[in-house]
Protein backbone atom coordinates (compact mmCIF):
# COMPACT_ATOMS: atom_id res chain seq x y z
CA MET A 1 104.83 101.51 92.23
CA ARG A 2 103.82 98.01 93.17
CA SER A 3 102.60 95.20 90.89
CA ARG A 4 100.74 92.36 92.56
CA LEU A 5 99.86 88.82 91.42
CA LEU A 6 97.14 87.07 93.46
CA PHE A 7 96.49 83.43 93.06
CA GLY A 8 92.83 82.27 93.00
CA ILE A 9 89.99 81.00 90.83
CA THR A 10 86.59 82.46 90.89
CA CYS A 11 83.73 80.79 89.06
CA GLY A 12 80.25 82.22 88.61
CA LEU A 13 77.35 82.51 86.26
CA LEU A 14 75.17 85.57 86.01
CA LEU A 15 72.05 85.66 83.92
CA ALA A 16 70.90 89.16 83.32
CA PRO A 17 67.15 89.99 83.43
CA VAL A 18 65.68 89.94 79.92
CA THR A 19 63.50 92.67 78.55
CA LEU A 20 61.31 91.86 75.63
CA LEU A 21 60.60 94.72 73.26
CA ALA A 22 57.75 94.75 70.81
CA ASP A 23 58.25 95.33 67.08
CA ALA A 24 59.05 98.80 65.95
CA PRO A 25 56.16 101.09 66.96
CA LEU A 26 54.18 103.18 64.58
CA PRO A 27 54.99 106.94 64.45
CA GLY A 28 53.59 108.72 67.47
CA ILE A 29 52.85 105.50 69.42
CA THR A 30 55.07 104.17 72.17
CA VAL A 31 54.90 100.46 73.03
CA GLU A 32 56.85 98.86 75.97
CA ALA A 33 56.87 95.15 76.84
CA GLU A 34 56.33 94.11 80.42
CA VAL A 35 59.41 92.77 82.14
CA GLN A 36 59.06 89.12 83.06
CA GLN A 37 59.04 88.77 86.81
CA GLY A 38 58.82 86.13 89.46
CA THR A 39 58.36 85.86 93.28
CA VAL A 40 60.68 84.69 96.10
CA ARG A 41 58.99 83.48 99.26
CA GLY A 42 59.96 81.41 102.30
CA ARG A 43 60.24 81.18 106.08
CA VAL A 44 63.01 82.16 108.56
CA VAL A 45 63.34 80.06 111.71
CA ASP A 46 65.91 79.68 114.49
CA ALA A 47 68.26 76.80 113.88
CA GLN A 48 68.31 75.52 117.44
CA SER A 49 64.66 75.94 118.55
CA GLY A 50 62.82 75.94 115.28
CA ASN A 51 60.84 79.02 116.34
CA PRO A 52 59.98 81.53 113.68
CA LEU A 53 62.13 84.71 113.57
CA ALA A 54 60.41 88.07 113.02
CA THR A 55 61.99 91.22 111.54
CA ALA A 56 64.71 89.24 109.67
CA GLN A 57 65.81 91.23 106.61
CA VAL A 58 65.78 89.16 103.48
CA ALA A 59 67.32 90.77 100.40
CA VAL A 60 68.13 89.85 96.80
CA VAL A 61 71.86 90.55 96.47
CA GLY A 62 72.66 93.03 93.70
CA THR A 63 69.23 94.61 93.69
CA SER A 64 67.11 96.95 95.92
CA LEU A 65 64.56 94.25 96.46
CA GLY A 66 63.94 92.86 99.88
CA ALA A 67 61.41 92.18 102.66
CA LEU A 68 61.08 91.65 106.42
CA SER A 69 59.84 88.44 107.89
CA ASP A 70 56.51 88.60 109.80
CA ALA A 71 55.67 87.18 113.27
CA SER A 72 55.38 83.71 111.71
CA GLY A 73 58.82 84.01 110.02
CA ASN A 74 57.24 84.24 106.51
CA TYR A 75 58.45 86.66 103.91
CA VAL A 76 57.46 87.44 100.27
CA ILE A 77 59.61 89.34 97.70
CA SER A 78 57.66 90.03 94.58
CA GLY A 79 58.60 91.75 91.31
CA VAL A 80 62.01 89.89 91.03
CA PRO A 81 63.15 89.82 87.41
CA ALA A 82 63.74 86.36 86.02
CA GLY A 83 67.39 85.30 86.54
CA LEU A 84 69.94 83.67 88.89
CA TYR A 85 70.33 85.37 92.31
CA THR A 86 71.86 85.15 95.80
CA ILE A 87 69.34 85.53 98.52
CA GLN A 88 70.73 86.85 101.90
CA VAL A 89 69.09 87.14 105.32
CA THR A 90 70.43 89.17 108.30
CA ARG A 91 69.13 89.67 111.77
CA LEU A 92 70.63 91.23 114.92
CA GLY A 93 71.96 88.52 117.18
CA HIS A 94 72.25 85.95 114.49
CA ALA A 95 74.91 85.00 111.90
CA GLN A 96 74.28 86.20 108.40
CA THR A 97 73.03 83.42 106.15
CA GLN A 98 72.66 83.32 102.35
CA ARG A 99 71.57 80.91 99.58
CA GLU A 100 73.40 81.16 96.23
CA ASN A 101 72.26 80.19 92.71
CA VAL A 102 68.53 80.71 93.29
CA GLN A 103 66.71 80.43 89.97
CA VAL A 104 63.77 82.83 89.57
CA ALA A 105 61.50 81.91 86.66
CA ALA A 106 59.19 84.29 84.90
CA GLY A 107 55.67 84.13 86.33
CA ALA A 108 56.66 81.57 88.92
CA SER A 109 57.28 81.43 92.63
CA VAL A 110 60.41 79.94 94.27
CA THR A 111 60.62 78.95 97.98
CA VAL A 112 63.76 79.69 99.95
CA ASP A 113 63.72 78.83 103.65
CA PHE A 114 66.44 79.81 106.13
CA GLN A 115 67.68 78.52 109.44
CA MET A 116 69.61 81.13 111.37
CA ARG A 117 72.15 80.33 114.11
CA THR A 118 72.78 82.58 117.14
CA SER A 119 76.03 84.39 116.91
CA ALA A 120 78.30 84.38 120.08
CA LEU A 121 79.40 87.98 119.67
CA ALA A 122 77.67 89.97 116.97
CA LEU A 123 78.11 93.59 118.22
CA GLU A 124 81.18 94.61 116.15
CA ALA A 125 79.06 96.03 113.34
CA VAL A 126 77.62 98.66 115.72
CA VAL A 127 80.60 99.22 117.99
CA VAL A 128 81.97 102.82 117.91
CA THR A 129 85.56 103.62 118.96
CA GLY A 130 86.08 104.44 122.60
CA LEU A 131 82.57 103.97 123.89
CA ALA A 132 81.79 101.62 126.70
CA ASP A 133 78.67 100.23 125.12
CA PRO A 134 77.78 99.63 121.49
CA THR A 135 76.31 102.70 119.89
CA SER A 136 74.98 103.54 116.47
CA ALA A 137 77.31 105.91 114.50
CA ARG A 138 74.36 108.18 113.74
CA ARG A 139 74.04 108.97 117.42
CA VAL A 140 77.68 110.05 117.90
CA PRO A 141 78.23 113.82 117.94
CA PHE A 142 81.68 113.75 116.26
CA THR A 143 83.08 112.43 112.98
CA ILE A 144 83.86 108.78 112.63
CA ALA A 145 85.03 107.01 109.51
CA ARG A 146 85.08 103.22 109.20
CA LEU A 147 86.69 100.85 106.81
CA GLY A 148 85.23 97.28 106.83
CA ALA A 149 86.29 94.04 105.33
CA GLU A 150 84.86 95.08 101.99
CA SER A 151 87.47 97.89 101.78
CA LEU A 152 90.36 95.74 102.84
CA GLU A 153 90.17 92.86 100.17
CA VAL A 154 93.72 93.56 99.00
CA PRO A 155 95.70 94.31 102.15
CA SER A 156 98.58 96.82 101.85
CA MET A 157 102.09 96.02 103.04
CA ASN A 158 101.61 98.46 105.95
CA ALA A 159 98.45 97.91 108.01
CA ILE A 160 97.44 101.59 108.17
CA GLY A 161 98.11 102.01 104.40
CA ALA A 162 94.51 101.09 103.76
CA LEU A 163 93.44 104.53 104.93
CA GLN A 164 95.14 106.30 101.96
CA GLY A 165 92.52 107.78 99.69
CA LYS A 166 89.59 106.21 101.69
CA VAL A 167 89.15 108.50 104.66
CA ALA A 168 88.21 112.10 104.04
CA GLY A 169 90.57 114.59 105.62
CA ALA A 170 93.24 112.01 106.42
CA SER A 171 96.74 112.73 105.08
CA VAL A 172 98.62 109.41 104.70
CA ILE A 173 102.30 109.25 103.49
CA ALA A 174 103.49 105.69 102.81
CA PRO A 175 107.10 104.79 103.82
CA ALA A 176 109.76 104.71 101.08
CA GLN A 177 111.63 101.80 102.75
CA PRO A 178 110.14 98.43 103.61
CA GLY A 179 109.33 98.15 107.22
CA GLY A 180 108.85 101.81 107.75
CA GLY A 181 105.99 103.39 109.56
CA ILE A 182 103.13 105.37 108.09
CA ASN A 183 102.96 109.11 108.57
CA ILE A 184 99.30 110.02 109.11
CA LEU A 185 97.76 113.37 109.97
CA LEU A 186 94.06 113.61 110.78
CA ARG A 187 93.86 117.31 111.56
CA THR A 188 95.91 120.57 111.16
CA PRO A 189 99.28 120.33 112.89
CA THR A 190 99.05 121.71 116.45
CA SER A 191 102.78 121.56 117.44
CA ILE A 192 106.26 121.99 115.92
CA ASN A 193 108.10 120.09 118.58
CA ARG A 194 105.70 117.29 119.49
CA THR A 195 104.12 114.56 117.41
CA ASN A 196 100.97 115.34 115.45
CA ALA A 197 100.21 111.62 114.85
CA PRO A 198 96.91 110.16 116.07
CA LEU A 199 96.68 107.62 118.86
CA PHE A 200 96.53 103.97 117.73
CA VAL A 201 94.47 101.41 119.57
CA VAL A 202 94.45 97.63 118.60
CA ASP A 203 91.80 95.46 120.14
CA GLY A 204 91.80 97.62 123.25
CA VAL A 205 95.63 97.99 123.47
CA VAL A 206 96.86 101.57 123.25
CA LEU A 207 100.17 101.37 121.26
CA ALA A 208 103.01 103.21 122.90
CA SER A 209 104.36 105.96 120.66
CA THR A 210 107.79 105.82 122.27
CA PHE A 211 108.52 102.57 120.45
CA GLY A 212 108.47 104.32 117.07
CA ARG A 213 107.07 102.94 113.74
CA SER A 214 104.10 101.25 115.68
CA THR A 215 102.15 100.95 112.46
CA ALA A 216 104.89 98.67 110.96
CA ASP A 217 104.34 96.15 113.77
CA LEU A 218 100.83 95.14 112.68
CA SER A 219 99.87 92.57 110.10
CA SER A 220 97.43 93.91 107.56
CA LEU A 221 96.13 90.39 106.82
CA ASP A 222 94.61 90.17 110.32
CA ILE A 223 92.64 93.41 110.23
CA GLU A 224 88.91 93.26 110.14
CA SER A 225 87.99 96.96 110.41
CA ILE A 226 89.55 100.38 111.00
CA GLU A 227 87.76 103.23 112.75
CA VAL A 228 89.00 106.74 112.63
CA VAL A 229 87.85 109.44 115.11
CA LYS A 230 88.98 112.78 113.66
CA GLY A 231 89.46 116.09 115.49
CA ALA A 232 89.92 117.02 119.10
CA ALA A 233 86.71 115.17 120.13
CA ALA A 234 88.87 112.08 120.39
CA ALA A 235 90.42 113.55 123.59
CA SER A 236 87.05 113.00 125.34
CA LEU A 237 87.49 109.30 124.78
CA TYR A 238 91.22 108.72 125.56
CA GLY A 239 92.48 111.88 127.12
CA SER A 240 95.01 114.52 125.91
CA ARG A 241 97.19 111.93 124.19
CA ALA A 242 94.38 111.51 121.63
CA SER A 243 94.09 115.20 120.87
CA ASN A 244 95.23 114.50 117.23
CA GLY A 245 92.62 111.84 116.68
CA VAL A 246 92.28 108.11 117.18
CA VAL A 247 92.70 105.17 114.85
CA GLN A 248 90.97 102.11 116.25
CA ILE A 249 91.90 98.70 114.74
CA ARG A 250 89.92 95.57 115.23
CA THR A 251 91.32 92.24 114.17
CA ARG A 252 89.47 89.15 112.92
CA ARG A 253 87.80 87.00 115.44
CA GLY A 254 86.11 84.23 113.36
CA ALA A 255 82.61 85.51 114.08
CA GLY A 256 81.67 86.00 110.39
CA GLY A 257 82.01 82.37 109.32
CA GLU A 258 79.36 79.60 109.06
CA SER A 259 78.34 78.42 112.54
CA GLY A 260 79.85 75.04 113.61
CA VAL A 261 82.34 74.90 110.67
CA THR A 262 86.12 75.16 111.07
CA ARG A 263 87.67 77.17 108.20
CA ILE A 264 91.27 76.92 107.05
CA THR A 265 92.46 79.53 104.62
CA ALA A 266 95.88 79.75 102.82
CA ARG A 267 96.89 82.88 100.94
CA SER A 268 100.00 83.62 98.86
CA GLU A 269 100.82 86.88 97.14
CA MET A 270 103.87 87.72 94.97
CA GLY A 271 104.86 90.71 92.94
CA VAL A 272 107.54 93.21 92.02
CA ASN A 273 108.27 96.70 93.28
CA GLN A 274 109.48 99.29 90.90
CA LEU A 275 110.00 103.03 90.54
CA ALA A 276 106.91 104.82 89.22
CA ARG A 277 109.10 106.97 86.98
CA GLY A 278 112.78 107.96 86.36
CA ILE A 279 114.46 110.85 88.11
CA ASP A 280 115.85 113.44 85.66
CA ARG A 281 119.37 114.62 86.24
CA SER A 282 121.68 117.02 84.44
CA MET A 283 123.64 115.21 81.74
CA SER A 284 125.83 118.11 80.74
CA HIS A 285 129.26 119.41 81.89
CA GLN A 286 131.53 122.53 81.77
CA TYR A 287 134.65 121.06 80.33
CA LEU A 288 136.49 121.79 76.98
CA VAL A 289 135.68 119.26 74.26
CA ASP A 290 136.27 118.95 70.57
CA GLY A 291 133.73 118.49 67.76
CA GLN A 292 133.50 114.76 68.53
CA GLY A 293 132.97 115.34 72.23
CA ASN A 294 136.52 114.21 73.29
CA TRP A 295 138.24 115.89 76.27
CA VAL A 296 140.87 118.45 75.25
CA ASN A 297 143.27 120.67 77.02
CA ALA A 298 143.76 124.41 76.73
CA ALA A 299 145.84 123.78 73.55
CA GLY A 300 143.10 121.80 71.96
CA SER A 301 144.86 118.34 72.19
CA VAL A 302 142.80 115.23 73.10
CA VAL A 303 143.52 114.12 76.67
CA ASP A 304 142.19 111.55 79.12
CA ARG A 305 139.44 112.30 81.64
CA GLN A 306 141.75 112.99 84.45
CA ASP A 307 143.61 115.67 82.44
CA ARG A 308 140.54 117.47 81.17
CA VAL A 309 140.23 121.22 81.89
CA GLU A 310 137.29 123.55 82.48
CA ARG A 311 136.27 126.28 80.05
CA PRO A 312 137.09 129.90 80.84
CA ALA A 313 135.04 131.26 83.82
CA SER A 314 132.95 133.44 81.50
CA GLU A 315 131.83 130.31 79.60
CA ARG A 316 131.63 127.91 82.50
CA PHE A 317 128.02 126.70 82.16
CA LEU A 318 126.77 123.23 82.42
CA ASP A 319 125.59 123.13 78.71
CA GLN A 320 128.04 120.64 77.07
CA PRO A 321 126.50 117.19 76.53
CA TYR A 322 128.63 114.13 77.30
CA ALA A 323 129.87 111.98 74.42
CA PRO A 324 127.42 109.17 73.39
CA GLY A 325 127.62 106.38 75.91
CA ALA A 326 129.70 108.29 78.43
CA ALA A 327 126.98 109.31 80.90
CA VAL A 328 125.29 106.63 82.94
CA ASP A 329 121.88 106.44 84.68
CA HIS A 330 122.84 106.39 88.40
CA VAL A 331 119.23 105.91 89.44
CA GLU A 332 118.99 102.67 87.43
CA GLN A 333 122.35 101.48 88.88
CA PHE A 334 121.47 102.31 92.51
CA PHE A 335 117.76 101.55 92.91
CA ASP A 336 116.61 97.94 92.70
CA PRO A 337 113.26 97.46 94.63
CA GLY A 338 113.03 93.87 93.55
CA ARG A 339 110.37 91.26 94.52
CA PHE A 340 108.04 90.77 97.47
CA ALA A 341 106.14 87.75 98.72
CA THR A 342 103.55 87.27 101.51
CA ASN A 343 102.28 83.92 102.67
CA SER A 344 99.71 83.25 105.39
CA ILE A 345 97.54 80.50 106.79
CA THR A 346 94.53 81.05 109.13
CA LEU A 347 92.33 78.79 111.22
CA SER A 348 88.96 79.95 112.45
CA ARG A 349 85.67 78.71 113.87
CA ASN A 350 82.38 80.19 114.84
CA SER A 351 79.89 78.62 117.21
CA GLU A 352 77.13 79.65 119.64
CA ASP A 353 79.50 79.84 122.63
CA THR A 354 83.01 80.17 121.26
CA ASN A 355 84.67 82.03 118.34
CA PHE A 356 88.45 81.78 117.56
CA PHE A 357 90.83 83.05 114.98
CA THR A 358 94.52 82.09 114.76
CA SER A 359 96.92 83.02 111.98
CA PHE A 360 100.54 82.78 110.95
CA SER A 361 102.09 84.87 108.09
CA ASN A 362 105.57 85.74 106.72
CA GLN A 363 106.54 88.59 104.59
CA ARG A 364 109.71 89.01 102.57
CA ILE A 365 110.54 92.25 100.55
CA ASP A 366 113.65 92.97 98.74
CA GLY A 367 115.42 96.27 99.44
CA VAL A 368 114.90 99.48 97.76
CA VAL A 369 118.54 99.75 96.59
CA LEU A 370 120.89 97.31 95.03
CA ASP A 371 121.53 94.25 97.29
CA HIS A 372 120.39 96.11 100.39
CA GLY A 373 117.50 97.48 102.40
CA GLY A 374 115.47 94.27 102.59
CA TYR A 375 112.74 93.49 105.13
CA ALA A 376 111.47 90.15 106.60
CA ARG A 377 108.88 89.62 109.22
CA ASP A 378 106.80 86.80 110.82
CA ASP A 379 103.47 87.33 112.65
CA LEU A 380 101.51 85.02 114.90
CA ARG A 381 98.00 85.90 116.15
CA LEU A 382 95.42 84.18 118.42
CA ASN A 383 91.88 85.75 119.14
CA LEU A 384 89.44 84.01 121.37
CA ASP A 385 85.80 84.89 122.35
CA HIS A 386 83.95 82.61 124.84
CA ARG A 387 80.55 82.94 126.48
CA LEU A 388 81.11 81.55 130.07
CA GLY A 389 77.31 81.91 130.87
CA ALA A 390 74.25 83.70 129.82
CA ASN A 391 75.51 86.98 131.29
CA LEU A 392 79.30 86.49 131.35
CA GLN A 393 81.68 86.81 128.27
CA PHE A 394 85.42 86.48 127.99
CA SER A 395 87.63 87.73 125.16
CA PHE A 396 91.44 87.39 124.55
CA SER A 397 93.61 88.94 121.74
CA GLY A 398 97.31 88.26 121.39
CA SER A 399 99.89 88.85 118.65
CA HIS A 400 103.63 88.32 118.33
CA MET A 401 105.88 89.74 115.62
CA ARG A 402 109.51 89.44 114.77
CA ALA A 403 111.13 91.43 112.02
CA THR A 404 114.57 92.18 110.54
CA ARG A 405 115.34 95.25 108.36
CA ASP A 406 118.46 96.41 106.60
CA GLU A 407 119.06 99.97 107.55
CA LEU A 408 120.34 102.55 105.10
CA PRO A 409 123.06 105.17 106.09
CA SER A 410 121.65 108.65 106.46
CA ASP A 411 123.89 110.11 103.76
CA VAL A 412 123.52 107.41 101.13
CA PHE A 413 121.21 109.41 98.89
CA PHE A 414 123.27 112.56 99.24
CA GLN A 415 126.26 110.62 98.08
CA LEU A 416 124.34 109.45 95.11
CA VAL A 417 123.35 112.87 93.82
CA GLN A 418 126.98 114.09 94.23
CA GLN A 419 128.33 111.59 91.63
CA ALA A 420 129.46 112.86 88.23
CA PRO A 421 127.13 111.69 85.45
CA ASP A 422 129.98 109.76 83.71
CA ALA A 423 131.11 107.92 86.88
CA ASN A 424 130.24 104.21 86.77
CA LEU A 425 129.07 103.04 90.19
CA LEU A 426 129.19 99.39 89.34
CA GLN A 427 132.88 98.90 88.42
CA PRO A 428 134.94 96.89 90.98
CA ASP A 429 137.31 98.44 93.38
CA PRO A 430 141.06 97.79 93.01
CA ASP A 431 141.11 96.19 96.45
CA GLY A 432 138.72 93.47 95.26
CA THR A 433 135.45 94.96 96.77
CA ARG A 434 132.44 94.47 94.45
CA TYR A 435 131.96 98.20 93.94
CA ILE A 436 134.58 100.86 93.60
CA TYR A 437 135.07 103.26 96.48
CA GLN A 438 135.66 106.43 94.39
CA PRO A 439 134.51 106.20 90.74
CA ASP A 440 135.34 109.82 90.17
CA PRO A 441 139.02 110.83 90.89
CA GLU A 442 137.82 114.45 91.24
CA GLY A 443 134.83 113.53 93.37
CA VAL A 444 134.24 114.70 96.94
CA THR A 445 131.91 111.87 98.03
CA PRO A 446 132.48 108.11 97.79
CA ASN A 447 130.37 105.58 95.97
CA PRO A 448 127.27 104.91 98.14
CA LEU A 449 127.29 101.29 97.08
CA TYR A 450 130.69 100.70 98.57
CA GLU A 451 129.57 101.27 102.11
CA LEU A 452 126.45 99.19 101.59
CA VAL A 453 128.31 96.06 100.53
CA THR A 454 131.10 96.36 103.17
CA SER A 455 129.11 97.14 106.23
CA ILE A 456 126.35 95.41 108.13
CA ASP A 457 123.65 97.69 109.57
CA GLU A 458 120.43 95.96 110.58
CA GLU A 459 117.66 96.28 113.15
CA ASN A 460 115.92 93.17 114.71
CA ARG A 461 112.52 94.11 116.16
CA VAL A 462 110.12 92.09 118.31
CA ARG A 463 106.56 93.33 119.31
CA THR A 464 104.09 91.50 121.59
CA LEU A 465 100.51 92.79 122.12
CA GLY A 466 97.96 91.18 124.45
CA SER A 467 94.57 92.08 125.84
CA THR A 468 91.84 90.36 127.83
CA GLU A 469 88.31 91.48 128.58
CA LEU A 470 85.67 90.14 130.97
CA ARG A 471 82.18 91.52 130.70
CA TRP A 472 79.32 90.65 133.18
CA THR A 473 75.79 91.78 132.82
CA PRO A 474 73.96 90.81 135.99
CA VAL A 475 70.84 92.82 134.99
CA GLY A 476 69.77 94.39 131.71
CA TRP A 477 70.60 97.89 132.82
CA LEU A 478 73.95 97.15 134.38
CA THR A 479 77.24 95.93 132.76
CA LEU A 480 80.58 95.48 134.46
CA ASP A 481 83.55 95.45 132.11
CA GLY A 482 87.17 94.71 133.07
CA ASN A 483 90.07 95.11 130.69
CA LEU A 484 93.82 94.27 130.86
CA SER A 485 96.32 95.05 128.08
CA TYR A 486 100.00 94.44 127.46
CA ASP A 487 102.37 96.03 124.95
CA ARG A 488 106.10 95.18 124.73
CA SER A 489 108.67 96.17 122.10
CA ASP A 490 112.23 94.94 121.91
CA ARG A 491 114.75 96.37 119.41
CA LYS A 492 118.33 95.49 118.73
CA THR A 493 120.49 97.36 116.20
CA THR A 494 123.69 95.98 114.89
CA PHE A 495 126.41 97.93 113.01
CA PHE A 496 129.66 96.42 111.82
CA PHE A 497 132.30 97.99 109.56
CA PRO A 498 135.36 95.71 108.76
CA ARG A 499 138.79 96.88 109.58
CA GLY A 500 140.73 97.88 106.54
CA ALA A 501 137.73 99.12 104.57
CA LYS A 502 137.97 102.69 103.17
CA THR A 503 136.15 105.46 104.93
CA VAL A 504 135.82 109.18 104.54
CA VAL A 505 137.27 109.84 108.02
CA ALA A 506 139.65 107.73 110.08
């Protein structure tokens, strides 16, 4: 369970349309007052040439009202209820433009003119995964799901976590430890000895599955859209390695901003992680006790814990509660998810010939257990789109990630559930270690916290992704496209156990 705190201030004023009702009607007679309405009209032209733009779609945001501009660029939207609105205009090949705080008065007409700038690359909205040319999703013969920026307003810690609960038929299991990979299944498992995970493609780079936890190497703050091709049809796009589906990720490129304006954005997010609920465990034992819950021997005399005896075999059930205050909550002692923080800064610009997006972010997450299991990562990204000529386009995408994660021993949770309910894991060890090695003299497994504080077990991970694309269209019916991608992963695991520390085996 994660609680988030986002910093930001949003100001706005919304005037709802007013409906005037007549006085109470006479019995059998219905009287309805006419809603007060106004008109929005204007002209849409090209910002560079000043020529009128036809078939531009003008809409009143938040309503179903809209109109298309005619050959002269003029448009008229009638029947707009009185109030304060945002008017938005879109047209293929041009950057989306909008005018906020437009006051529509009852019975009056308001003029809103637009100047639209040409967008350098405006094909992402219609691009479909794996196809050489942009194609409408309605013309594709197989199932595609897409998550846009509107579905990624609050990015998850893991880039692919945004698919959870938003894509029909996708089974997504989030990692329990920070820095872990997402387990995702798009179709029924087809193998018991091979991976059933889909193929991941980021800006044209096919992520190598041999590197493991590939989904943990992506920054969710840089994602613009996620497209999912479900079923075996994906194999027709990327071959047999995509037989379990494809997850296509596109990162931000700066094309959505206002033309000619450089935008700098800073973002900070802080919060706390916590267990969604407690874990119930047995809080009873099978030993002899007196009426006050004290340990006794076979003769009925009160003894210390190490001298207690079990009840006869015929009565040896775990049904005797511990004395008040004797049992402890090991889950509360062991788990401590702690805080998390994410900071990022981005720089982007959109113009007629060049778009670019660059970002730097760092992420710090406390571990899932007490004083251990933390995760830290830094991400750097640069995306560039440039129009070299009327028929020649160049694109570059690159990212570099460095991360450090505290690893947890494979048997640490097994050791936890093997502890007696009245064993205190937080008491110090006689040798001076922060936590005792064996809190239960009769126990068969050591205190899992002892190994965590005495050993060093961490993984340092570096991932570099890069891709370039050159597209040349000599004539309208011919396009030549060249792509080059690069994927490198470096991992270094360090384990150190000090001489003299206690261990189960020599």
